[in-house]
Amino acid sequence: MNNHPRLPCIMSLHAVAFFFVVMGLLSPSTGAANSPSSKEPSVFSQPVASTKSQQQLRTIATQLQKVKVLRASFEQRKTIKVLSRPLVSHGTFLFARSVGVYWKTQTPFPAALLLTPKGLTEKDPNTGKNLPSSGSKTLMKAMSQMFVAILSVDIEKLSTMFVLHLQGTPQSWILGLKPKANGMKRFLRHIVLQGGNTVQLVQIAEANGDQTEYKISKVQTSPPKLTPAERKLFR
């Protein structure tokens, strides 16, 4: 059987699966290697502890919540220590607050995912039909909710799992996330989010030294509601 059509799903699911591991719901088959020593981003010298930083974080959260629908392109660059070149993929995504995320990888292989509060569904990128999944519905739901929390910068949910660090202003901010639980620290060093009115960059540093970066571009927030064609994507 030709398994090549499934390869894009592995690539587009990387971030979701990673957060799945971070949540302690999935254990890797091998232990993570110790992280090489390297300088951390400067945002981690500024924890959200003072009244001023907490107020600033609330201002940013309120600002982000104003965006109800977001359409954008992404570049995913996965750097693995044992590979000489990073793995790069490109695509688009549609984010609708309280509805979910439709994530579509276009290159190097087409793939589509639908992430909602109810769970994660793999879609045929050409027909839009649901593809069969062998994963646990409970675990898929947890994966989906975590991915959406990261993409939407849901401060309430993120603060239950991470120590928050903040740098910059509401117009140009950097949010650093460090795992609280020791179990998480075995797999994750930190996550860095960067943006203004919307998220523009997501960087994930794993404990084994691998890194993933998502650059978000061509952001559109108008129209502020899903179009009829877009609503069909969430079915």
Protein backbone atom coordinates (compact mmCIF):
# COMPACT_ATOMS: atom_id res chain seq x y z
CA MET A 1 0.00 0.00 0.00
CA ASN A 2 1.27 3.47 -0.85
CA ASN A 3 1.51 5.51 2.34
CA HIS A 4 2.78 8.71 0.76
CA PRO A 5 -0.61 10.49 0.98
CA ARG A 6 -0.37 10.16 4.76
CA LEU A 7 2.99 11.94 5.02
CA PRO A 8 1.57 15.47 4.89
CA CYS A 9 -0.69 14.66 7.79
CA ILE A 10 2.32 13.80 9.91
CA MET A 11 3.94 17.11 9.06
CA SER A 12 0.86 19.26 9.61
CA LEU A 13 0.05 17.42 12.83
CA HIS A 14 3.50 17.99 14.30
CA ALA A 15 2.60 20.93 16.51
CA VAL A 16 -0.63 19.35 17.66
CA ALA A 17 1.08 16.09 18.52
CA PHE A 18 3.82 17.98 20.32
CA PHE A 19 1.35 19.72 22.61
CA PHE A 20 -0.28 16.36 23.11
CA VAL A 21 3.01 15.11 24.55
CA VAL A 22 3.42 18.27 26.61
CA MET A 23 0.03 17.72 28.20
CA GLY A 24 1.21 14.37 29.50
CA LEU A 25 -1.40 12.48 27.50
CA LEU A 26 1.09 10.75 25.25
CA SER A 27 4.55 9.35 25.99
CA PRO A 28 7.27 9.16 23.36
CA SER A 29 8.81 5.81 22.58
CA THR A 30 12.23 7.01 23.63
CA GLY A 31 13.41 9.41 26.29
CA ALA A 32 14.24 12.95 25.29
CA ALA A 33 17.88 13.87 25.16
CA ASN A 34 19.27 16.56 27.38
CA SER A 35 19.04 19.99 25.84
CA PRO A 36 22.28 21.59 24.67
CA SER A 37 23.20 24.70 26.57
CA SER A 38 22.17 27.84 24.71
CA LYS A 39 21.14 31.34 25.54
CA GLU A 40 17.43 31.73 26.16
CA PRO A 41 15.41 34.53 24.56
CA SER A 42 15.49 37.68 26.67
CA VAL A 43 11.74 37.52 27.30
CA PHE A 44 12.39 34.85 29.94
CA SER A 45 14.08 37.41 32.16
CA GLN A 46 10.73 39.17 32.56
CA PRO A 47 8.15 36.96 34.30
CA VAL A 48 4.57 38.18 34.59
CA ALA A 49 4.70 38.91 38.32
CA SER A 50 4.20 42.62 38.91
CA THR A 51 0.85 44.39 38.84
CA LYS A 52 2.04 46.36 35.80
CA SER A 53 2.97 43.28 33.78
CA GLN A 54 -0.27 41.53 34.72
CA GLN A 55 -2.28 44.54 33.56
CA GLN A 56 -0.32 44.70 30.33
CA LEU A 57 -0.99 41.01 29.71
CA ARG A 58 -4.70 41.57 30.26
CA THR A 59 -4.60 44.45 27.77
CA ILE A 60 -2.96 42.23 25.16
CA ALA A 61 -5.44 39.42 25.81
CA THR A 62 -8.37 41.80 25.41
CA GLN A 63 -6.85 43.14 22.21
CA LEU A 64 -6.46 39.66 20.74
CA GLN A 65 -10.00 38.67 21.69
CA LYS A 66 -11.34 41.43 19.44
CA VAL A 67 -10.26 39.36 16.44
CA LYS A 68 -13.14 36.99 15.77
CA VAL A 69 -12.01 35.61 12.40
CA LEU A 70 -8.47 35.45 11.06
CA ARG A 71 -7.25 34.25 7.66
CA ALA A 72 -3.52 33.84 7.10
CA SER A 73 -0.64 31.98 5.47
CA PHE A 74 2.06 30.11 7.38
CA GLU A 75 5.56 28.78 6.91
CA GLN A 76 6.54 25.90 9.18
CA ARG A 77 10.28 25.31 9.61
CA LYS A 78 11.24 22.25 11.63
CA THR A 79 14.92 21.98 12.61
CA ILE A 80 16.02 18.49 13.68
CA LYS A 81 19.53 17.98 15.02
CA VAL A 82 20.21 14.86 12.97
CA LEU A 83 19.20 16.51 9.68
CA SER A 84 21.42 18.93 7.78
CA ARG A 85 18.48 20.96 6.50
CA PRO A 86 15.22 22.02 8.13
CA LEU A 87 11.89 20.54 7.03
CA VAL A 88 9.81 23.33 5.51
CA SER A 89 6.12 23.39 4.67
CA HIS A 90 3.71 26.13 3.63
CA GLY A 91 -0.03 26.57 3.78
CA THR A 92 -2.94 28.61 5.02
CA PHE A 93 -5.27 28.55 7.99
CA LEU A 94 -8.62 29.95 9.00
CA PHE A 95 -9.21 30.79 12.66
CA ALA A 96 -12.70 31.49 13.99
CA ARG A 97 -12.96 32.25 17.69
CA SER A 98 -15.33 29.89 19.54
CA VAL A 99 -15.52 27.76 16.37
CA GLY A 100 -12.02 26.42 15.72
CA VAL A 101 -9.19 26.30 13.20
CA TYR A 102 -9.07 24.96 9.65
CA TRP A 103 -5.39 24.25 8.94
CA LYS A 104 -4.37 23.45 5.36
CA THR A 105 -0.86 22.45 4.31
CA GLN A 106 -0.23 23.10 0.60
CA THR A 107 3.44 22.19 0.13
CA PRO A 108 5.34 19.91 0.00
CA PHE A 109 2.21 17.73 0.32
CA PRO A 110 -1.46 18.77 0.56
CA ALA A 111 -3.24 18.03 3.83
CA ALA A 112 -6.06 19.53 5.88
CA LEU A 113 -7.07 19.46 9.54
CA LEU A 114 -10.13 20.75 11.34
CA LEU A 115 -9.62 21.59 15.01
CA THR A 116 -12.66 22.48 17.11
CA PRO A 117 -13.65 22.28 20.80
CA LYS A 118 -15.14 18.88 19.97
CA GLY A 119 -11.88 17.44 18.66
CA LEU A 120 -9.58 17.04 15.69
CA THR A 121 -10.64 15.81 12.26
CA GLU A 122 -8.41 15.03 9.30
CA LYS A 123 -9.92 16.23 6.03
CA ASP A 124 -9.35 15.39 2.40
CA PRO A 125 -7.76 18.65 1.11
CA ASN A 126 -9.47 18.29 -2.27
CA THR A 127 -12.99 17.11 -1.43
CA GLY A 128 -13.31 18.37 2.14
CA LYS A 129 -14.59 14.98 3.27
CA ASN A 130 -13.68 13.65 6.69
CA LEU A 131 -10.96 10.99 6.72
CA PRO A 132 -11.07 8.08 9.19
CA SER A 133 -9.17 8.44 12.45
CA SER A 134 -8.02 5.71 14.80
CA GLY A 135 -7.18 8.06 17.66
CA SER A 136 -9.06 8.32 20.93
CA LYS A 137 -11.80 10.96 20.75
CA THR A 138 -10.94 12.16 24.26
CA LEU A 139 -7.28 12.59 23.41
CA MET A 140 -8.02 14.18 20.04
CA LYS A 141 -10.24 16.68 21.81
CA ALA A 142 -7.44 17.56 24.23
CA MET A 143 -4.98 17.96 21.36
CA SER A 144 -7.33 20.23 19.47
CA GLN A 145 -8.12 22.44 22.46
CA MET A 146 -4.45 22.89 23.29
CA PHE A 147 -3.51 23.84 19.74
CA VAL A 148 -6.32 26.39 19.57
CA ALA A 149 -5.27 27.83 22.96
CA ILE A 150 -1.76 28.43 21.63
CA LEU A 151 -2.92 29.95 18.34
CA SER A 152 -5.51 32.18 20.01
CA VAL A 153 -3.23 33.03 22.96
CA ASP A 154 -5.84 31.98 25.49
CA ILE A 155 -4.14 33.38 28.59
CA GLU A 156 -6.48 31.67 31.05
CA LYS A 157 -5.80 28.21 29.67
CA LEU A 158 -2.11 28.76 29.03
CA SER A 159 -1.46 30.04 32.57
CA THR A 160 -2.64 26.73 34.02
CA MET A 161 0.21 24.91 32.28
CA PHE A 162 2.94 27.50 31.81
CA VAL A 163 4.81 30.21 33.66
CA LEU A 164 4.20 33.34 31.59
CA HIS A 165 6.82 35.92 30.64
CA LEU A 166 6.14 39.16 28.80
CA GLN A 167 8.22 41.70 26.92
CA GLY A 168 7.31 44.73 24.81
CA THR A 169 4.10 46.68 24.41
CA PRO A 170 0.52 45.81 23.35
CA GLN A 171 1.47 46.96 19.85
CA SER A 172 4.58 44.74 19.67
CA TRP A 173 4.79 42.00 22.30
CA ILE A 174 6.64 38.78 23.00
CA LEU A 175 5.08 36.14 25.25
CA GLY A 176 7.27 33.38 26.66
CA LEU A 177 5.84 30.13 28.00
CA LYS A 178 7.79 27.82 30.28
CA PRO A 179 6.23 24.53 31.41
CA LYS A 180 5.28 24.23 35.06
CA ALA A 181 5.18 20.44 35.44
CA ASN A 182 8.39 18.43 35.59
CA GLY A 183 6.86 15.95 33.16
CA MET A 184 6.51 18.70 30.57
CA LYS A 185 10.08 19.84 31.10
CA ARG A 186 11.34 16.47 29.90
CA PHE A 187 10.06 17.30 26.42
CA LEU A 188 9.70 21.07 26.24
CA ARG A 189 12.12 23.89 26.95
CA HIS A 190 9.88 26.79 26.06
CA ILE A 191 7.45 28.36 23.60
CA VAL A 192 7.73 31.94 22.36
CA LEU A 193 4.83 33.82 20.76
CA GLN A 194 5.30 37.16 19.07
CA GLY A 195 2.78 39.59 17.65
CA GLY A 196 0.72 42.74 17.87
CA ASN A 197 -3.00 42.73 17.12
CA THR A 198 -2.56 39.08 16.08
CA VAL A 199 0.07 36.37 16.51
CA GLN A 200 2.86 36.68 13.95
CA LEU A 201 5.42 34.11 15.09
CA VAL A 202 5.40 30.88 17.13
CA GLN A 203 8.67 29.24 18.20
CA ILE A 204 8.83 25.89 19.96
CA ALA A 205 12.06 24.70 21.57
CA GLU A 206 12.04 21.05 22.55
CA ALA A 207 14.20 19.56 25.29
CA ASN A 208 16.14 17.42 22.82
CA GLY A 209 17.34 20.48 20.92
CA ASP A 210 14.89 20.29 18.01
CA GLN A 211 13.03 23.48 17.15
CA THR A 212 9.92 24.41 15.19
CA GLU A 213 9.04 27.86 13.96
CA TYR A 214 5.79 29.11 12.44
CA LYS A 215 5.86 32.42 10.57
CA ILE A 216 2.38 33.82 10.02
CA SER A 217 1.82 36.28 7.17
CA LYS A 218 -0.81 37.77 4.88
CA VAL A 219 -3.17 38.17 7.82
CA GLN A 220 -6.73 39.26 7.08
CA THR A 221 -9.38 39.90 9.72
CA SER A 222 -12.08 41.25 7.41
CA PRO A 223 -14.83 40.30 6.96
CA PRO A 224 -15.17 39.82 10.74
CA LYS A 225 -17.52 36.86 10.29
CA LEU A 226 -17.19 33.58 8.44
CA THR A 227 -18.47 33.62 4.88
CA PRO A 228 -20.92 30.88 3.80
CA ALA A 229 -18.07 29.08 2.00
CA GLU A 230 -15.88 29.28 5.10
CA ARG A 231 -18.61 27.93 7.35
CA LYS A 232 -18.73 24.81 5.18
CA LEU A 233 -15.10 24.08 6.08
CA PHE A 234 -16.11 23.58 9.72
CA ARG A 235 -18.72 20.93 8.99
